């Protein structure tokens, strides 16, 4: 009985192995068939177009306008690589080369740059690019998959995207909020600007590279945005982390028309980092309770009481909490819907954008220079920006606009007085 069971198991295992081998064979042969059929169909199409120019082969034509000229080696793009294809030739009776429409169309389209960009974005290194492509039949001659070739393509398309980002006009954007934050890459800092318009749509506005997240770098970024059409003559909400450089840059460029919201998440982390572990849960709960309030007066009292409690034994934590406390409650005082208030009270949206820079750049082993860092960053933020959706609480954006315009009216009346 045991012997029969063993033989049955062996037969089953053998059957499974044969099926796996058959599956691989079918997949390989099907792929080769598809490639072969596609190449044949292309050949038929090109020959039909040559026949339209030259007439049927071996057929006498009194008014012949063109003659066949055999075939010459050519290349087209297929599956992320260049493949060799024999191109049929046609010549006019005067000896001029005639172009076949399909060949011209296929040759003008160069999807290799886009394919290289896509592969890099999903984390495929240039060394592994060829392995990431679908294999083709051994009879098909290919090229264009070497590390140097793929790197060159990627550099070309990322330089193009960098220029697109730096030259993008902002005149038509009716911005109500701008978020600023920085990311450290190697020995450089990239400051990223994310805008929100009156429709609740997010937009990547620009990036700026600097040695540190200082006022000069931030001012240069905002000045660049202004030169590309961003309006600075109306009140705008700025959501910033705890850095003083960003705040100074915003005030220098926008003056009294800037409403500052300090990121509550950054403030929470900064305070907790200066406390012993056993105190962190209680302090965190109190600060979160304050930031979740519906009443800005009550929230302010909770934070001020917490600061007094911390002041004696942990003055650094208390000082961090007091610094910019009012600006952590700017949006709360506007009495917006909770979803919109939560969105505008932190820099999480721009941090998520920066997270895409880290995700895409994780496969880079060595950052060669600032230009490389800027190219990769521009590519990452544009890729992330292509998937943007409207912000949480976008239906309450008109209320935010009303509050900001009211601030403009008050400021104007004060200036006149």
Protein backbone atom coordinates (compact mmCIF):
# COMPACT_ATOMS: atom_id res chain seq x y z
CA UNK A 1 0.00 0.00 0.00
CA UNK A 2 2.84 2.34 0.95
CA UNK A 3 4.66 1.44 -2.27
CA UNK A 4 1.63 2.36 -4.38
CA UNK A 5 1.29 5.69 -2.58
CA UNK A 6 4.96 6.44 -3.19
CA UNK A 7 4.70 5.65 -6.91
CA UNK A 8 1.56 7.76 -7.18
CA UNK A 9 3.35 10.71 -5.54
CA UNK A 10 6.31 10.32 -7.91
CA UNK A 11 4.00 10.27 -10.94
CA UNK A 12 2.22 13.39 -9.68
CA UNK A 13 5.54 15.19 -9.11
CA UNK A 14 6.73 14.23 -12.58
CA UNK A 15 3.49 15.45 -14.10
CA UNK A 16 3.83 18.80 -12.30
CA UNK A 17 7.40 19.21 -13.55
CA UNK A 18 6.35 18.44 -17.11
CA UNK A 19 3.49 20.96 -16.86
CA UNK A 20 5.86 23.66 -15.57
CA UNK A 21 8.27 22.94 -18.40
CA UNK A 22 5.41 22.98 -20.90
CA UNK A 23 4.17 26.29 -19.50
CA UNK A 24 7.62 27.87 -19.88
CA UNK A 25 7.89 26.49 -23.38
CA UNK A 26 4.46 27.78 -24.36
CA UNK A 27 5.19 31.23 -22.92
CA UNK A 28 8.54 31.41 -24.69
CA UNK A 29 7.20 30.19 -28.00
CA UNK A 30 4.11 32.42 -27.75
CA UNK A 31 6.32 35.45 -27.10
CA UNK A 32 8.53 34.54 -30.05
CA UNK A 33 5.44 34.00 -32.19
CA UNK A 34 4.02 37.40 -31.27
CA UNK A 35 7.32 39.11 -32.03
CA UNK A 36 7.68 37.20 -35.28
CA UNK A 37 4.09 37.92 -36.30
CA UNK A 38 4.53 41.61 -35.48
CA UNK A 39 7.70 41.83 -37.53
CA UNK A 40 5.99 40.07 -40.42
CA UNK A 41 2.99 42.41 -40.22
CA UNK A 42 5.33 45.41 -40.26
CA UNK A 43 7.09 44.00 -43.31
CA UNK A 44 3.77 43.52 -45.10
CA UNK A 45 2.68 47.08 -44.25
CA UNK A 46 5.91 48.61 -45.52
CA UNK A 47 5.80 46.53 -48.69
CA UNK A 48 2.22 47.64 -49.37
CA UNK A 49 3.28 51.27 -49.05
CA UNK A 50 6.19 50.68 -51.42
CA UNK A 51 3.81 49.03 -53.88
CA UNK A 52 1.56 52.08 -53.70
CA UNK A 53 4.55 54.17 -54.81
CA UNK A 54 6.15 51.81 -57.31
CA UNK A 55 3.27 49.65 -58.53
CA UNK A 56 3.07 45.88 -58.52
CA UNK A 57 6.32 43.98 -58.83
CA UNK A 58 7.19 42.87 -62.42
CA UNK A 59 4.25 44.83 -63.80
CA UNK A 60 4.78 47.20 -66.73
CA UNK A 61 3.72 50.82 -66.09
CA UNK A 62 3.90 53.49 -68.74
CA UNK A 63 3.85 56.38 -66.26
CA UNK A 64 6.03 54.86 -63.56
CA UNK A 65 7.06 57.40 -60.93
CA UNK A 66 9.26 55.25 -58.71
CA UNK A 67 11.36 52.09 -58.64
CA UNK A 68 12.13 49.52 -55.96
CA UNK A 69 15.58 49.82 -54.42
CA UNK A 70 15.96 46.62 -52.43
CA UNK A 71 16.34 46.70 -48.65
CA UNK A 72 18.74 48.41 -46.25
CA UNK A 73 19.37 47.80 -42.52
CA UNK A 74 17.28 49.96 -40.20
CA UNK A 75 16.23 50.17 -36.56
CA UNK A 76 12.96 50.63 -34.72
CA UNK A 77 12.06 50.62 -31.02
CA UNK A 78 10.38 47.58 -29.49
CA UNK A 79 10.02 46.61 -25.86
CA UNK A 80 12.44 49.18 -24.49
CA UNK A 81 15.26 48.39 -26.95
CA UNK A 82 16.23 49.02 -30.55
CA UNK A 83 15.76 46.11 -32.92
CA UNK A 84 17.21 45.63 -36.38
CA UNK A 85 14.65 45.72 -39.20
CA UNK A 86 15.20 45.56 -42.95
CA UNK A 87 13.74 48.69 -44.47
CA UNK A 88 12.38 48.47 -48.03
CA UNK A 89 13.61 51.28 -50.27
CA UNK A 90 11.87 53.17 -53.05
CA UNK A 91 13.45 55.70 -55.42
CA UNK A 92 11.85 58.20 -57.73
CA UNK A 93 12.63 58.07 -61.44
CA UNK A 94 14.99 61.00 -60.78
CA UNK A 95 16.93 58.92 -58.23
CA UNK A 96 15.63 60.64 -55.06
CA UNK A 97 14.97 58.53 -51.95
CA UNK A 98 11.25 58.22 -51.16
CA UNK A 99 10.07 57.84 -47.58
CA UNK A 100 7.51 55.27 -46.54
CA UNK A 101 4.85 56.87 -44.27
CA UNK A 102 4.75 54.09 -41.64
CA UNK A 103 8.52 53.95 -41.32
CA UNK A 104 8.66 57.71 -40.92
CA UNK A 105 6.00 57.64 -38.22
CA UNK A 106 7.58 54.77 -36.28
CA UNK A 107 11.01 56.38 -36.52
CA UNK A 108 9.84 59.77 -35.23
CA UNK A 109 8.45 58.26 -32.04
CA UNK A 110 11.22 57.51 -29.53
CA UNK A 111 9.66 55.84 -26.47
CA UNK A 112 13.06 54.74 -25.18
CA UNK A 113 13.50 57.90 -23.13
CA UNK A 114 10.10 57.41 -21.51
CA UNK A 115 10.83 53.72 -20.89
CA UNK A 116 14.18 54.54 -19.27
CA UNK A 117 12.50 57.14 -17.04
CA UNK A 118 9.76 54.71 -16.02
CA UNK A 119 12.25 51.99 -15.16
CA UNK A 120 14.34 54.35 -13.04
CA UNK A 121 11.26 55.64 -11.22
CA UNK A 122 10.19 52.12 -10.21
CA UNK A 123 13.69 51.44 -8.89
CA UNK A 124 15.43 49.56 -11.71
CA UNK A 125 19.11 50.43 -11.86
CA UNK A 126 20.82 51.14 -15.18
CA UNK A 127 22.84 47.95 -14.78
CA UNK A 128 19.68 45.85 -14.52
CA UNK A 129 17.70 47.66 -17.22
CA UNK A 130 18.07 44.92 -19.84
CA UNK A 131 17.02 42.22 -17.37
CA UNK A 132 13.82 44.15 -16.62
CA UNK A 133 12.67 43.97 -20.25
CA UNK A 134 10.62 41.23 -21.83
CA UNK A 135 12.98 38.89 -23.71
CA UNK A 136 12.78 38.69 -27.49
CA UNK A 137 13.65 35.91 -29.88
CA UNK A 138 17.35 35.13 -30.21
CA UNK A 139 17.09 35.77 -33.95
CA UNK A 140 16.22 39.44 -33.39
CA UNK A 141 19.26 41.70 -33.23
CA UNK A 142 18.95 44.35 -30.50
CA UNK A 143 20.92 47.21 -28.95
CA UNK A 144 20.38 50.26 -26.73
CA UNK A 145 20.18 48.51 -23.35
CA UNK A 146 23.69 49.06 -22.01
CA UNK A 147 24.25 50.93 -18.75
CA UNK A 148 25.84 53.93 -20.47
CA UNK A 149 23.06 54.20 -23.07
CA UNK A 150 20.27 54.01 -20.50
CA UNK A 151 22.07 56.54 -18.27
CA UNK A 152 22.42 58.93 -21.19
CA UNK A 153 18.72 58.65 -22.01
CA UNK A 154 17.73 59.17 -18.38
CA UNK A 155 19.92 62.27 -18.10
CA UNK A 156 18.42 63.73 -21.26
CA UNK A 157 14.80 63.30 -20.20
CA UNK A 158 15.38 64.43 -16.60
CA UNK A 159 17.16 67.55 -17.86
CA UNK A 160 14.12 68.24 -20.03
CA UNK A 161 11.78 67.78 -17.07
CA UNK A 162 13.97 70.01 -14.90
CA UNK A 163 13.75 72.78 -17.49
CA UNK A 164 9.98 72.27 -17.68
CA UNK A 165 9.65 72.70 -13.91
CA UNK A 166 11.92 75.75 -13.76
CA UNK A 167 10.20 77.48 -16.70
CA UNK A 168 6.59 76.63 -15.80
CA UNK A 169 4.45 79.75 -15.67
CA UNK A 170 2.30 80.35 -12.59
CA UNK A 171 0.20 83.29 -13.83
CA UNK A 172 -3.02 81.33 -14.16
CA UNK A 173 -2.85 79.72 -10.70
CA UNK A 174 -5.08 81.39 -8.13
CA UNK A 175 -3.15 80.22 -5.08
CA UNK A 176 -4.51 80.47 -1.56
CA UNK A 177 -1.93 78.37 0.33
CA UNK A 178 1.71 77.46 -0.13
CA UNK A 179 3.61 74.79 1.78
CA UNK A 180 7.39 74.89 2.08
CA UNK A 181 9.76 72.25 3.40
CA UNK A 182 13.25 70.94 2.72
CA UNK A 183 14.93 67.58 2.19
CA UNK A 184 18.59 66.76 2.80
CA UNK A 185 20.31 64.82 0.02
CA UNK A 186 24.01 64.18 0.44
CA UNK A 187 25.51 67.55 1.44
CA UNK A 188 22.73 69.57 -0.17
CA UNK A 189 19.27 70.77 0.83
CA UNK A 190 16.39 70.95 -1.63
CA UNK A 191 13.54 73.28 -0.62
CA UNK A 192 10.22 72.29 -2.21
CA UNK A 193 7.19 74.56 -2.71
CA UNK A 194 3.70 73.06 -3.00
CA UNK A 195 0.70 75.27 -3.80
CA UNK A 196 -3.07 74.89 -3.31
CA UNK A 197 -5.47 76.82 -5.55
CA UNK A 198 -9.04 78.01 -5.03
CA UNK A 199 -10.37 74.74 -6.48
CA UNK A 200 -8.56 72.67 -3.88
CA UNK A 201 -6.04 71.36 -6.41
CA UNK A 202 -2.38 70.90 -5.46
CA UNK A 203 0.46 72.08 -7.70
CA UNK A 204 4.22 71.58 -7.59
CA UNK A 205 5.46 75.17 -7.80
CA UNK A 206 9.22 74.80 -7.73
CA UNK A 207 12.38 73.59 -6.01
CA UNK A 208 15.63 75.25 -4.99
CA UNK A 209 18.99 73.75 -4.09
CA UNK A 210 21.22 75.14 -1.36
CA UNK A 211 23.91 74.13 1.10
CA UNK A 212 21.47 74.60 3.99
CA UNK A 213 17.81 75.47 4.50
CA UNK A 214 18.72 79.12 5.05
CA UNK A 215 16.88 82.35 4.36
CA UNK A 216 18.84 83.03 1.18
CA UNK A 217 17.83 79.71 -0.39
CA UNK A 218 14.18 80.12 0.60
CA UNK A 219 14.08 83.74 -0.58
CA UNK A 220 15.60 82.73 -3.91
CA UNK A 221 12.89 80.09 -4.35
CA UNK A 222 10.05 82.51 -3.58
CA UNK A 223 11.60 85.19 -5.79
CA UNK A 224 11.79 82.68 -8.64
CA UNK A 225 8.13 81.78 -8.15
CA UNK A 226 7.23 85.47 -8.28
CA UNK A 227 9.24 85.96 -11.47
CA UNK A 228 7.27 83.12 -13.08
CA UNK A 229 3.97 84.82 -12.36
CA UNK A 230 3.01 83.89 -8.81
CA UNK A 231 0.96 86.70 -7.33
CA UNK A 232 2.30 88.39 -4.18
CA UNK A 233 -0.30 91.16 -3.97
CA UNK A 234 -2.96 89.16 -2.10
CA UNK A 235 -3.02 87.47 1.27
CA UNK A 236 -1.74 83.90 1.12
CA UNK A 237 -1.54 81.22 3.80
CA UNK A 238 1.95 79.75 4.25
CA UNK A 239 2.34 76.42 6.02
CA UNK A 240 5.91 76.03 7.29
CA UNK A 241 7.94 73.76 9.51
CA UNK A 242 9.67 75.18 12.56
CA UNK A 243 12.62 76.65 10.65
CA UNK A 244 13.11 80.38 11.18
CA UNK A 245 14.76 80.72 7.76
CA UNK A 246 11.56 79.82 5.92
CA UNK A 247 9.53 82.26 7.95
CA UNK A 248 11.98 85.10 7.37
CA UNK A 249 12.01 84.42 3.62
CA UNK A 250 8.20 84.44 3.42
CA UNK A 251 7.93 87.71 5.34
CA UNK A 252 10.69 89.31 3.23
CA UNK A 253 8.84 88.50 -0.01
CA UNK A 254 5.16 88.73 1.02
CA UNK A 255 5.31 91.08 4.01
CA UNK A 256 1.97 91.59 5.77
CA UNK A 257 0.14 89.58 3.11
CA UNK A 258 1.58 86.34 4.52
CA UNK A 259 -0.48 84.41 7.06
CA UNK A 260 1.85 81.92 8.75
CA UNK A 261 0.77 78.50 9.97
CA UNK A 262 3.51 76.60 11.80
CA UNK A 263 3.34 72.84 11.30
CA UNK A 264 1.75 71.22 14.34
CA UNK A 265 3.43 67.88 13.61
CA UNK A 266 6.88 69.50 13.60
CA UNK A 267 6.08 71.37 16.81
CA UNK A 268 4.97 68.16 18.50
CA UNK A 269 8.16 66.33 17.49
CA UNK A 270 10.38 69.23 18.56
CA UNK A 271 8.85 69.34 22.05
CA UNK A 272 8.88 65.57 22.58
CA UNK A 273 12.53 65.30 21.49
CA UNK A 274 13.52 67.40 24.51
CA UNK A 275 11.67 65.31 27.09
CA UNK A 276 12.51 62.01 28.83
CA UNK A 277 10.70 58.95 27.52
CA UNK A 278 8.35 58.57 30.49
CA UNK A 279 6.87 62.07 29.96
CA UNK A 280 6.33 61.87 26.24
CA UNK A 281 2.96 60.01 26.16
CA UNK A 282 1.30 62.51 28.54
CA UNK A 283 2.69 65.61 26.79
CA UNK A 284 1.83 64.19 23.38
CA UNK A 285 -1.75 63.51 24.46
CA UNK A 286 -2.15 67.06 25.81
CA UNK A 287 -0.79 68.71 22.66
CA UNK A 288 -2.93 66.52 20.41
CA UNK A 289 -5.98 67.39 22.50
CA UNK A 290 -5.20 71.09 22.07
CA UNK A 291 -4.72 70.79 18.31
CA UNK A 292 -8.01 68.88 18.00
CA UNK A 293 -10.00 71.63 19.74
CA UNK A 294 -12.84 73.46 18.05
CA UNK A 295 -12.11 76.57 20.08
CA UNK A 296 -8.83 78.40 19.58
CA UNK A 297 -9.07 80.08 23.02
CA UNK A 298 -9.34 76.70 24.77
CA UNK A 299 -6.49 75.30 22.66
CA UNK A 300 -4.26 78.24 23.57
CA UNK A 301 -4.97 77.77 27.29
CA UNK A 302 -4.15 74.05 27.15
CA UNK A 303 -0.80 74.76 25.49
CA UNK A 304 0.05 77.64 27.83
CA UNK A 305 -0.77 75.54 30.89
CA UNK A 306 1.39 72.73 29.53
CA UNK A 307 4.24 75.18 28.98
CA UNK A 308 4.03 76.38 32.59
CA UNK A 309 4.03 72.79 33.83
CA UNK A 310 7.14 71.97 31.81
CA UNK A 311 8.91 75.24 32.53
CA UNK A 312 10.47 74.34 35.89
CA UNK A 313 12.05 70.95 35.14
CA UNK A 314 12.22 71.04 31.35
CA UNK A 315 12.73 74.65 30.23
CA UNK A 316 14.01 73.67 26.78
CA UNK A 317 10.80 71.80 25.99
CA UNK A 318 8.73 74.69 27.37
CA UNK A 319 10.69 77.19 25.29
CA UNK A 320 10.18 75.09 22.16
CA UNK A 321 6.43 74.96 22.85
CA UNK A 322 6.18 78.71 23.46
CA UNK A 323 8.17 79.63 20.34
CA UNK A 324 5.65 80.31 17.58
CA UNK A 325 2.75 78.95 19.67
CA UNK A 326 0.23 81.40 18.20
CA UNK A 327 1.25 80.51 14.65
CA UNK A 328 0.46 76.83 15.28
CA UNK A 329 -3.17 77.94 15.79
CA UNK A 330 -3.53 80.27 12.79
CA UNK A 331 -5.76 77.94 10.77
CA UNK A 332 -7.79 76.90 13.82
CA UNK A 333 -8.73 80.54 14.36
CA UNK A 334 -10.20 80.67 10.84
CA UNK A 335 -12.99 78.26 11.84
CA UNK A 336 -12.78 76.06 8.79
CA UNK A 337 -14.14 72.55 8.42
CA UNK A 338 -12.10 69.98 10.35
CA UNK A 339 -10.81 68.12 7.24
CA UNK A 340 -9.53 71.36 5.71
CA UNK A 341 -8.13 72.55 9.06
CA UNK A 342 -6.21 69.29 9.53
CA UNK A 343 -4.81 69.49 6.03
CA UNK A 344 -3.58 73.07 6.41
CA UNK A 345 -2.24 72.69 9.97
CA UNK A 346 0.75 70.53 8.99
CA UNK A 347 3.27 70.24 6.17
CA UNK A 348 2.35 66.56 5.69
CA UNK A 349 1.32 67.16 2.06
CA UNK A 350 4.70 68.56 1.04
CA UNK A 351 6.48 65.96 3.19
CA UNK A 352 4.64 63.24 1.26
CA UNK A 353 5.86 64.91 -1.90
CA UNK A 354 9.41 64.89 -0.54
CA UNK A 355 8.92 61.23 0.37
CA UNK A 356 8.60 60.46 -3.33
CA UNK A 357 12.07 61.98 -3.81
CA UNK A 358 13.48 59.55 -1.26
CA UNK A 359 11.58 56.62 -2.76
CA UNK A 360 12.83 57.27 -6.28
CA UNK A 361 16.38 58.14 -5.23
CA UNK A 362 16.93 55.14 -2.96
CA UNK A 363 18.61 53.18 -5.75
CA UNK A 364 21.25 55.88 -6.30
CA UNK A 365 24.54 54.67 -4.85
CA UNK A 366 26.40 57.95 -5.16
CA UNK A 367 25.20 61.50 -5.77
CA UNK A 368 27.83 62.96 -8.08
CA UNK A 369 26.90 66.64 -7.90
CA UNK A 370 24.14 69.16 -7.22
CA UNK A 371 22.92 69.00 -10.82
CA UNK A 372 22.20 65.29 -10.46
CA UNK A 373 20.33 65.88 -7.21
CA UNK A 374 18.19 68.63 -8.75
CA UNK A 375 17.39 66.52 -11.83
CA UNK A 376 16.26 63.56 -9.75
CA UNK A 377 14.26 65.78 -7.42
CA UNK A 378 12.50 67.54 -10.30
CA UNK A 379 11.64 64.18 -11.84
CA UNK A 380 10.32 62.82 -8.56
CA UNK A 381 8.08 65.78 -7.70
CA UNK A 382 6.68 65.98 -11.23
CA UNK A 383 5.93 62.26 -11.17
CA UNK A 384 4.18 62.63 -7.82
CA UNK A 385 2.38 65.76 -9.03
CA UNK A 386 0.89 63.88 -11.97
CA UNK A 387 -1.14 61.82 -9.47
CA UNK A 388 -2.41 64.69 -7.31
CA UNK A 389 -6.03 64.75 -6.20
CA UNK A 390 -8.01 67.54 -4.59
CA UNK A 391 -7.24 68.20 -0.95
CA UNK A 392 -9.29 67.03 2.00
CA UNK A 393 -12.03 69.51 2.81
CA UNK A 394 -11.84 71.21 -0.59
CA UNK A 395 -15.55 72.06 -0.42
CA UNK A 396 -14.75 74.53 2.37
CA UNK A 397 -12.03 76.32 0.39
CA UNK A 398 -14.39 79.26 -0.43
CA UNK A 399 -14.62 79.91 3.32
CA UNK A 400 -10.82 80.06 3.50
CA UNK A 401 -10.79 82.49 0.58
CA UNK A 402 -13.33 84.67 2.41
CA UNK A 403 -11.17 84.72 5.55
CA UNK A 404 -8.00 85.62 3.61
CA UNK A 405 -9.76 88.37 1.65
CA UNK A 406 -11.12 89.73 4.93
CA UNK A 407 -7.58 89.91 6.24
CA UNK A 408 -6.63 91.93 3.15
CA UNK A 409 -9.45 94.39 3.82
CA UNK A 410 -8.40 94.89 7.44
CA UNK A 411 -4.75 95.39 6.48
CA UNK A 412 -5.74 97.93 3.81
CA UNK A 413 -7.90 99.91 6.24
CA UNK A 414 -5.08 100.00 8.79
CA UNK A 415 -2.63 101.27 6.18
CA UNK A 416 -5.05 104.01 5.10
CA UNK A 417 -5.65 105.06 8.71
